[in-house]
PDB file of all heavy atoms in Angstrom:
ATOM      1  N   SER A   1     -20.879 -16.233  -4.578  1.00  0.00           N
ATOM      2  CA  SER A   1     -20.976 -14.849  -5.015  1.00  0.00           C
ATOM      3  C   SER A   1     -21.956 -14.102  -4.132  1.00  0.00           C
ATOM      4  O   SER A   1     -22.748 -14.697  -3.408  1.00  0.00           O
ATOM      5  CB  SER A   1     -21.396 -14.762  -6.481  1.00  0.00           C
ATOM      6  OG  SER A   1     -22.679 -15.335  -6.677  1.00  0.00           O
ATOM      7  N   GLY A   2     -21.889 -12.809  -4.216  1.00  0.00           N
ATOM      8  CA  GLY A   2     -22.719 -11.979  -3.379  1.00  0.00           C
ATOM      9  C   GLY A   2     -21.894 -11.297  -2.311  1.00  0.00           C
ATOM     10  O   GLY A   2     -20.668 -11.224  -2.400  1.00  0.00           O
ATOM     11  N   SER A   3     -22.564 -10.838  -1.308  1.00  0.00           N
ATOM     12  CA  SER A   3     -21.911 -10.098  -0.245  1.00  0.00           C
ATOM     13  C   SER A   3     -21.394 -11.052   0.828  1.00  0.00           C
ATOM     14  O   SER A   3     -22.172 -11.667   1.555  1.00  0.00           O
ATOM     15  CB  SER A   3     -22.874  -9.088   0.369  1.00  0.00           C
ATOM     16  OG  SER A   3     -22.253  -8.348   1.393  1.00  0.00           O
ATOM     17  N   ILE A   4     -20.086 -11.166   0.896  1.00  0.00           N
ATOM     18  CA  ILE A   4     -19.440 -11.979   1.927  1.00  0.00           C
ATOM     19  C   ILE A   4     -18.357 -11.114   2.563  1.00  0.00           C
ATOM     20  O   ILE A   4     -17.218 -11.084   2.092  1.00  0.00           O
ATOM     21  CB  ILE A   4     -18.836 -13.270   1.362  1.00  0.00           C
ATOM     22  CG1 ILE A   4     -19.840 -14.020   0.503  1.00  0.00           C
ATOM     23  CG2 ILE A   4     -18.344 -14.153   2.504  1.00  0.00           C
ATOM     24  CD1 ILE A   4     -19.282 -15.264  -0.140  1.00  0.00           C
ATOM     25  N   SER A   5     -18.695 -10.442   3.607  1.00  0.00           N
ATOM     26  CA  SER A   5     -17.782  -9.487   4.216  1.00  0.00           C
ATOM     27  C   SER A   5     -17.092 -10.007   5.469  1.00  0.00           C
ATOM     28  O   SER A   5     -16.106  -9.429   5.916  1.00  0.00           O
ATOM     29  CB  SER A   5     -18.518  -8.190   4.551  1.00  0.00           C
ATOM     30  OG  SER A   5     -19.585  -8.422   5.447  1.00  0.00           O
ATOM     31  N   SER A   6     -17.593 -11.078   6.040  1.00  0.00           N
ATOM     32  CA  SER A   6     -17.011 -11.637   7.247  1.00  0.00           C
ATOM     33  C   SER A   6     -16.259 -12.914   6.929  1.00  0.00           C
ATOM     34  O   SER A   6     -16.485 -13.523   5.880  1.00  0.00           O
ATOM     35  CB  SER A   6     -18.097 -11.895   8.290  1.00  0.00           C
ATOM     36  OG  SER A   6     -19.061 -12.803   7.798  1.00  0.00           O
ATOM     37  N   PRO A   7     -15.373 -13.328   7.804  1.00  0.00           N
ATOM     38  CA  PRO A   7     -14.680 -14.604   7.569  1.00  0.00           C
ATOM     39  C   PRO A   7     -15.673 -15.747   7.403  1.00  0.00           C
ATOM     40  O   PRO A   7     -16.710 -15.788   8.078  1.00  0.00           O
ATOM     41  CB  PRO A   7     -13.838 -14.779   8.837  1.00  0.00           C
ATOM     42  CG  PRO A   7     -13.617 -13.391   9.336  1.00  0.00           C
ATOM     43  CD  PRO A   7     -14.901 -12.673   9.026  1.00  0.00           C
ATOM     44  N   TYR A   8     -15.358 -16.654   6.528  1.00  0.00           N
ATOM     45  CA  TYR A   8     -16.268 -17.752   6.270  1.00  0.00           C
ATOM     46  C   TYR A   8     -15.509 -19.025   5.957  1.00  0.00           C
ATOM     47  O   TYR A   8     -14.392 -18.992   5.443  1.00  0.00           O
ATOM     48  CB  TYR A   8     -17.214 -17.412   5.115  1.00  0.00           C
ATOM     49  CG  TYR A   8     -16.518 -17.118   3.800  1.00  0.00           C
ATOM     50  CD1 TYR A   8     -16.324 -18.119   2.858  1.00  0.00           C
ATOM     51  CD2 TYR A   8     -16.065 -15.836   3.500  1.00  0.00           C
ATOM     52  CE1 TYR A   8     -15.686 -17.854   1.656  1.00  0.00           C
ATOM     53  CE2 TYR A   8     -15.427 -15.562   2.302  1.00  0.00           C
ATOM     54  CZ  TYR A   8     -15.240 -16.572   1.385  1.00  0.00           C
ATOM     55  OH  TYR A   8     -14.609 -16.298   0.187  1.00  0.00           O
ATOM     56  N   SER A   9     -16.131 -20.113   6.274  1.00  0.00           N
ATOM     57  CA  SER A   9     -15.609 -21.409   5.914  1.00  0.00           C
ATOM     58  C   SER A   9     -16.360 -21.931   4.701  1.00  0.00           C
ATOM     59  O   SER A   9     -17.480 -21.506   4.408  1.00  0.00           O
ATOM     60  CB  SER A   9     -15.737 -22.398   7.076  1.00  0.00           C
ATOM     61  OG  SER A   9     -17.098 -22.633   7.393  1.00  0.00           O
ATOM     62  N   MET A  10     -15.737 -22.852   4.008  1.00  0.00           N
ATOM     63  CA  MET A  10     -16.372 -23.484   2.868  1.00  0.00           C
ATOM     64  C   MET A  10     -16.170 -24.982   2.997  1.00  0.00           C
ATOM     65  O   MET A  10     -15.188 -25.442   3.574  1.00  0.00           O
ATOM     66  CB  MET A  10     -15.791 -22.977   1.547  1.00  0.00           C
ATOM     67  CG  MET A  10     -15.862 -21.466   1.381  1.00  0.00           C
ATOM     68  SD  MET A  10     -15.305 -20.881  -0.249  1.00  0.00           S
ATOM     69  CE  MET A  10     -16.754 -21.284  -1.246  1.00  0.00           C
ATOM     70  N   GLY A  11     -17.106 -25.714   2.463  1.00  0.00           N
ATOM     71  CA  GLY A  11     -16.982 -27.149   2.592  1.00  0.00           C
ATOM     72  C   GLY A  11     -17.862 -27.908   1.637  1.00  0.00           C
ATOM     73  O   GLY A  11     -18.650 -27.331   0.884  1.00  0.00           O
ATOM     74  N   TRP A  12     -17.680 -29.204   1.683  1.00  0.00           N
ATOM     75  CA  TRP A  12     -18.437 -30.112   0.848  1.00  0.00           C
ATOM     76  C   TRP A  12     -19.136 -31.148   1.703  1.00  0.00           C
ATOM     77  O   TRP A  12     -18.539 -31.719   2.629  1.00  0.00           O
ATOM     78  CB  TRP A  12     -17.525 -30.824  -0.159  1.00  0.00           C
ATOM     79  CG  TRP A  12     -16.944 -29.911  -1.185  1.00  0.00           C
ATOM     80  CD1 TRP A  12     -15.742 -29.274  -1.142  1.00  0.00           C
ATOM     81  CD2 TRP A  12     -17.559 -29.532  -2.421  1.00  0.00           C
ATOM     82  NE1 TRP A  12     -15.559 -28.522  -2.276  1.00  0.00           N
ATOM     83  CE2 TRP A  12     -16.657 -28.660  -3.074  1.00  0.00           C
ATOM     84  CE3 TRP A  12     -18.766 -29.841  -3.033  1.00  0.00           C
ATOM     85  CZ2 TRP A  12     -16.941 -28.096  -4.322  1.00  0.00           C
ATOM     86  CZ3 TRP A  12     -19.051 -29.275  -4.267  1.00  0.00           C
ATOM     87  CH2 TRP A  12     -18.145 -28.423  -4.895  1.00  0.00           C
ATOM     88  N   TYR A  13     -20.377 -31.369   1.391  1.00  0.00           N
ATOM     89  CA  TYR A  13     -21.179 -32.413   1.996  1.00  0.00           C
ATOM     90  C   TYR A  13     -21.757 -33.261   0.879  1.00  0.00           C
ATOM     91  O   TYR A  13     -21.832 -32.821  -0.268  1.00  0.00           O
ATOM     92  CB  TYR A  13     -22.303 -31.818   2.849  1.00  0.00           C
ATOM     93  CG  TYR A  13     -21.817 -31.052   4.060  1.00  0.00           C
ATOM     94  CD1 TYR A  13     -21.227 -29.801   3.921  1.00  0.00           C
ATOM     95  CD2 TYR A  13     -21.958 -31.585   5.339  1.00  0.00           C
ATOM     96  CE1 TYR A  13     -20.779 -29.096   5.028  1.00  0.00           C
ATOM     97  CE2 TYR A  13     -21.521 -30.887   6.452  1.00  0.00           C
ATOM     98  CZ  TYR A  13     -20.933 -29.648   6.287  1.00  0.00           C
ATOM     99  OH  TYR A  13     -20.496 -28.955   7.403  1.00  0.00           O
ATOM    100  N   ARG A  14     -22.158 -34.463   1.210  1.00  0.00           N
ATOM    101  CA  ARG A  14     -22.746 -35.319   0.189  1.00  0.00           C
ATOM    102  C   ARG A  14     -23.900 -36.113   0.767  1.00  0.00           C
ATOM    103  O   ARG A  14     -23.968 -36.373   1.969  1.00  0.00           O
ATOM    104  CB  ARG A  14     -21.698 -36.258  -0.409  1.00  0.00           C
ATOM    105  CG  ARG A  14     -21.151 -37.301   0.557  1.00  0.00           C
ATOM    106  CD  ARG A  14     -20.015 -38.069  -0.090  1.00  0.00           C
ATOM    107  NE  ARG A  14     -19.489 -39.111   0.779  1.00  0.00           N
ATOM    108  CZ  ARG A  14     -18.418 -39.840   0.509  1.00  0.00           C
ATOM    109  NH1 ARG A  14     -17.736 -39.639  -0.620  1.00  0.00           N
ATOM    110  NH2 ARG A  14     -18.014 -40.775   1.358  1.00  0.00           N
ATOM    111  N   GLN A  15     -24.784 -36.497  -0.113  1.00  0.00           N
ATOM    112  CA  GLN A  15     -25.943 -37.273   0.289  1.00  0.00           C
ATOM    113  C   GLN A  15     -26.278 -38.288  -0.788  1.00  0.00           C
ATOM    114  O   GLN A  15     -26.533 -37.928  -1.937  1.00  0.00           O
ATOM    115  CB  GLN A  15     -27.146 -36.368   0.550  1.00  0.00           C
ATOM    116  CG  GLN A  15     -28.345 -37.098   1.117  1.00  0.00           C
ATOM    117  CD  GLN A  15     -29.404 -36.150   1.633  1.00  0.00           C
ATOM    118  OE1 GLN A  15     -29.483 -34.995   1.207  1.00  0.00           O
ATOM    119  NE2 GLN A  15     -30.208 -36.621   2.560  1.00  0.00           N
ATOM    120  N   ALA A  16     -26.258 -39.534  -0.405  1.00  0.00           N
ATOM    121  CA  ALA A  16     -26.659 -40.611  -1.293  1.00  0.00           C
ATOM    122  C   ALA A  16     -28.139 -40.889  -1.092  1.00  0.00           C
ATOM    123  O   ALA A  16     -28.694 -40.607  -0.026  1.00  0.00           O
ATOM    124  CB  ALA A  16     -25.837 -41.867  -1.011  1.00  0.00           C
ATOM    125  N   PRO A  17     -28.798 -41.443  -2.104  1.00  0.00           N
ATOM    126  CA  PRO A  17     -30.231 -41.745  -1.967  1.00  0.00           C
ATOM    127  C   PRO A  17     -30.515 -42.612  -0.747  1.00  0.00           C
ATOM    128  O   PRO A  17     -29.851 -43.622  -0.522  1.00  0.00           O
ATOM    129  CB  PRO A  17     -30.554 -42.483  -3.260  1.00  0.00           C
ATOM    130  CG  PRO A  17     -29.547 -41.980  -4.243  1.00  0.00           C
ATOM    131  CD  PRO A  17     -28.289 -41.799  -3.439  1.00  0.00           C
ATOM    132  N   GLY A  18     -31.478 -42.195   0.031  1.00  0.00           N
ATOM    133  CA  GLY A  18     -31.866 -42.952   1.201  1.00  0.00           C
ATOM    134  C   GLY A  18     -30.947 -42.825   2.389  1.00  0.00           C
ATOM    135  O   GLY A  18     -31.161 -43.497   3.404  1.00  0.00           O
ATOM    136  N   LYS A  19     -29.939 -41.993   2.285  1.00  0.00           N
ATOM    137  CA  LYS A  19     -28.985 -41.818   3.371  1.00  0.00           C
ATOM    138  C   LYS A  19     -28.962 -40.366   3.829  1.00  0.00           C
ATOM    139  O   LYS A  19     -29.373 -39.462   3.107  1.00  0.00           O
ATOM    140  CB  LYS A  19     -27.585 -42.249   2.948  1.00  0.00           C
ATOM    141  CG  LYS A  19     -27.461 -43.708   2.551  1.00  0.00           C
ATOM    142  CD  LYS A  19     -26.027 -44.090   2.263  1.00  0.00           C
ATOM    143  CE  LYS A  19     -25.173 -44.005   3.513  1.00  0.00           C
ATOM    144  NZ  LYS A  19     -23.765 -44.444   3.262  1.00  0.00           N
ATOM    145  N   GLN A  20     -28.475 -40.174   5.021  1.00  0.00           N
ATOM    146  CA  GLN A  20     -28.365 -38.829   5.550  1.00  0.00           C
ATOM    147  C   GLN A  20     -27.184 -38.099   4.929  1.00  0.00           C
ATOM    148  O   GLN A  20     -26.212 -38.717   4.475  1.00  0.00           O
ATOM    149  CB  GLN A  20     -28.219 -38.861   7.068  1.00  0.00           C
ATOM    150  CG  GLN A  20     -26.968 -39.554   7.568  1.00  0.00           C
ATOM    151  CD  GLN A  20     -26.880 -39.601   9.074  1.00  0.00           C
ATOM    152  OE1 GLN A  20     -27.447 -38.761   9.763  1.00  0.00           O
ATOM    153  NE2 GLN A  20     -26.162 -40.576   9.602  1.00  0.00           N
ATOM    154  N   ARG A  21     -27.281 -36.801   4.928  1.00  0.00           N
ATOM    155  CA  ARG A  21     -26.185 -35.997   4.429  1.00  0.00           C
ATOM    156  C   ARG A  21     -24.995 -36.092   5.369  1.00  0.00           C
ATOM    157  O   ARG A  21     -25.155 -36.080   6.591  1.00  0.00           O
ATOM    158  CB  ARG A  21     -26.631 -34.540   4.291  1.00  0.00           C
ATOM    159  CG  ARG A  21     -25.600 -33.634   3.653  1.00  0.00           C
ATOM    160  CD  ARG A  21     -26.157 -32.229   3.478  1.00  0.00           C
ATOM    161  NE  ARG A  21     -26.461 -31.617   4.761  1.00  0.00           N
ATOM    162  CZ  ARG A  21     -27.061 -30.441   4.903  1.00  0.00           C
ATOM    163  NH1 ARG A  21     -27.437 -29.755   3.828  1.00  0.00           N
ATOM    164  NH2 ARG A  21     -27.297 -29.950   6.104  1.00  0.00           N
ATOM    165  N   GLU A  22     -23.812 -36.175   4.811  1.00  0.00           N
ATOM    166  CA  GLU A  22     -22.619 -36.293   5.619  1.00  0.00           C
ATOM    167  C   GLU A  22     -21.558 -35.305   5.174  1.00  0.00           C
ATOM    168  O   GLU A  22     -21.481 -34.921   4.004  1.00  0.00           O
ATOM    169  CB  GLU A  22     -22.052 -37.713   5.550  1.00  0.00           C
ATOM    170  CG  GLU A  22     -21.574 -38.130   4.169  1.00  0.00           C
ATOM    171  CD  GLU A  22     -20.944 -39.511   4.154  1.00  0.00           C
ATOM    172  OE1 GLU A  22     -20.796 -40.106   5.238  1.00  0.00           O
ATOM    173  OE2 GLU A  22     -20.604 -39.996   3.053  1.00  0.00           O
ATOM    174  N   LEU A  23     -20.743 -34.932   6.110  1.00  0.00           N
ATOM    175  CA  LEU A  23     -19.634 -34.040   5.820  1.00  0.00           C
ATOM    176  C   LEU A  23     -18.568 -34.784   5.034  1.00  0.00           C
ATOM    177  O   LEU A  23     -18.248 -35.934   5.336  1.00  0.00           O
ATOM    178  CB  LEU A  23     -19.046 -33.492   7.121  1.00  0.00           C
ATOM    179  CG  LEU A  23     -17.850 -32.538   7.011  1.00  0.00           C
ATOM    180  CD1 LEU A  23     -17.900 -31.523   8.142  1.00  0.00           C
ATOM    181  CD2 LEU A  23     -16.533 -33.307   7.074  1.00  0.00           C
ATOM    182  N   VAL A  24     -18.024 -34.121   4.043  1.00  0.00           N
ATOM    183  CA  VAL A  24     -16.905 -34.655   3.281  1.00  0.00           C
ATOM    184  C   VAL A  24     -15.620 -33.950   3.685  1.00  0.00           C
ATOM    185  O   VAL A  24     -14.640 -34.583   4.080  1.00  0.00           O
ATOM    186  CB  VAL A  24     -17.134 -34.516   1.770  1.00  0.00           C
ATOM    187  CG1 VAL A  24     -15.920 -35.023   0.999  1.00  0.00           C
ATOM    188  CG2 VAL A  24     -18.389 -35.267   1.342  1.00  0.00           C
ATOM    189  N   ALA A  25     -15.620 -32.640   3.580  1.00  0.00           N
ATOM    190  CA  ALA A  25     -14.446 -31.859   3.934  1.00  0.00           C
ATOM    191  C   ALA A  25     -14.835 -30.409   4.115  1.00  0.00           C
ATOM    192  O   ALA A  25     -15.751 -29.916   3.461  1.00  0.00           O
ATOM    193  CB  ALA A  25     -13.361 -31.977   2.861  1.00  0.00           C
ATOM    194  N   THR A  26     -14.146 -29.742   5.004  1.00  0.00           N
ATOM    195  CA  THR A  26     -14.342 -28.317   5.198  1.00  0.00           C
ATOM    196  C   THR A  26     -12.991 -27.631   5.274  1.00  0.00           C
ATOM    197  O   THR A  26     -11.983 -28.238   5.650  1.00  0.00           O
ATOM    198  CB  THR A  26     -15.137 -27.996   6.473  1.00  0.00           C
ATOM    199  OG1 THR A  26     -14.429 -28.478   7.620  1.00  0.00           O
ATOM    200  CG2 THR A  26     -16.520 -28.630   6.431  1.00  0.00           C
ATOM    201  N   ILE A  27     -12.992 -26.370   4.929  1.00  0.00           N
ATOM    202  CA  ILE A  27     -11.788 -25.561   5.033  1.00  0.00           C
ATOM    203  C   ILE A  27     -12.182 -24.211   5.593  1.00  0.00           C
ATOM    204  O   ILE A  27     -13.071 -23.538   5.082  1.00  0.00           O
ATOM    205  CB  ILE A  27     -11.069 -25.449   3.673  1.00  0.00           C
ATOM    206  CG1 ILE A  27      -9.780 -24.633   3.814  1.00  0.00           C
ATOM    207  CG2 ILE A  27     -11.985 -24.865   2.602  1.00  0.00           C
ATOM    208  CD1 ILE A  27      -8.861 -24.769   2.596  1.00  0.00           C
TER     209      ILE A  27
END
């Protein structure tokens, strides 16, 4: 929500305890 006037991508990342954040999926 909020002001989003330009094209944008959305995605999901995940992070398990003690691990680095990783990409799951983007669109």
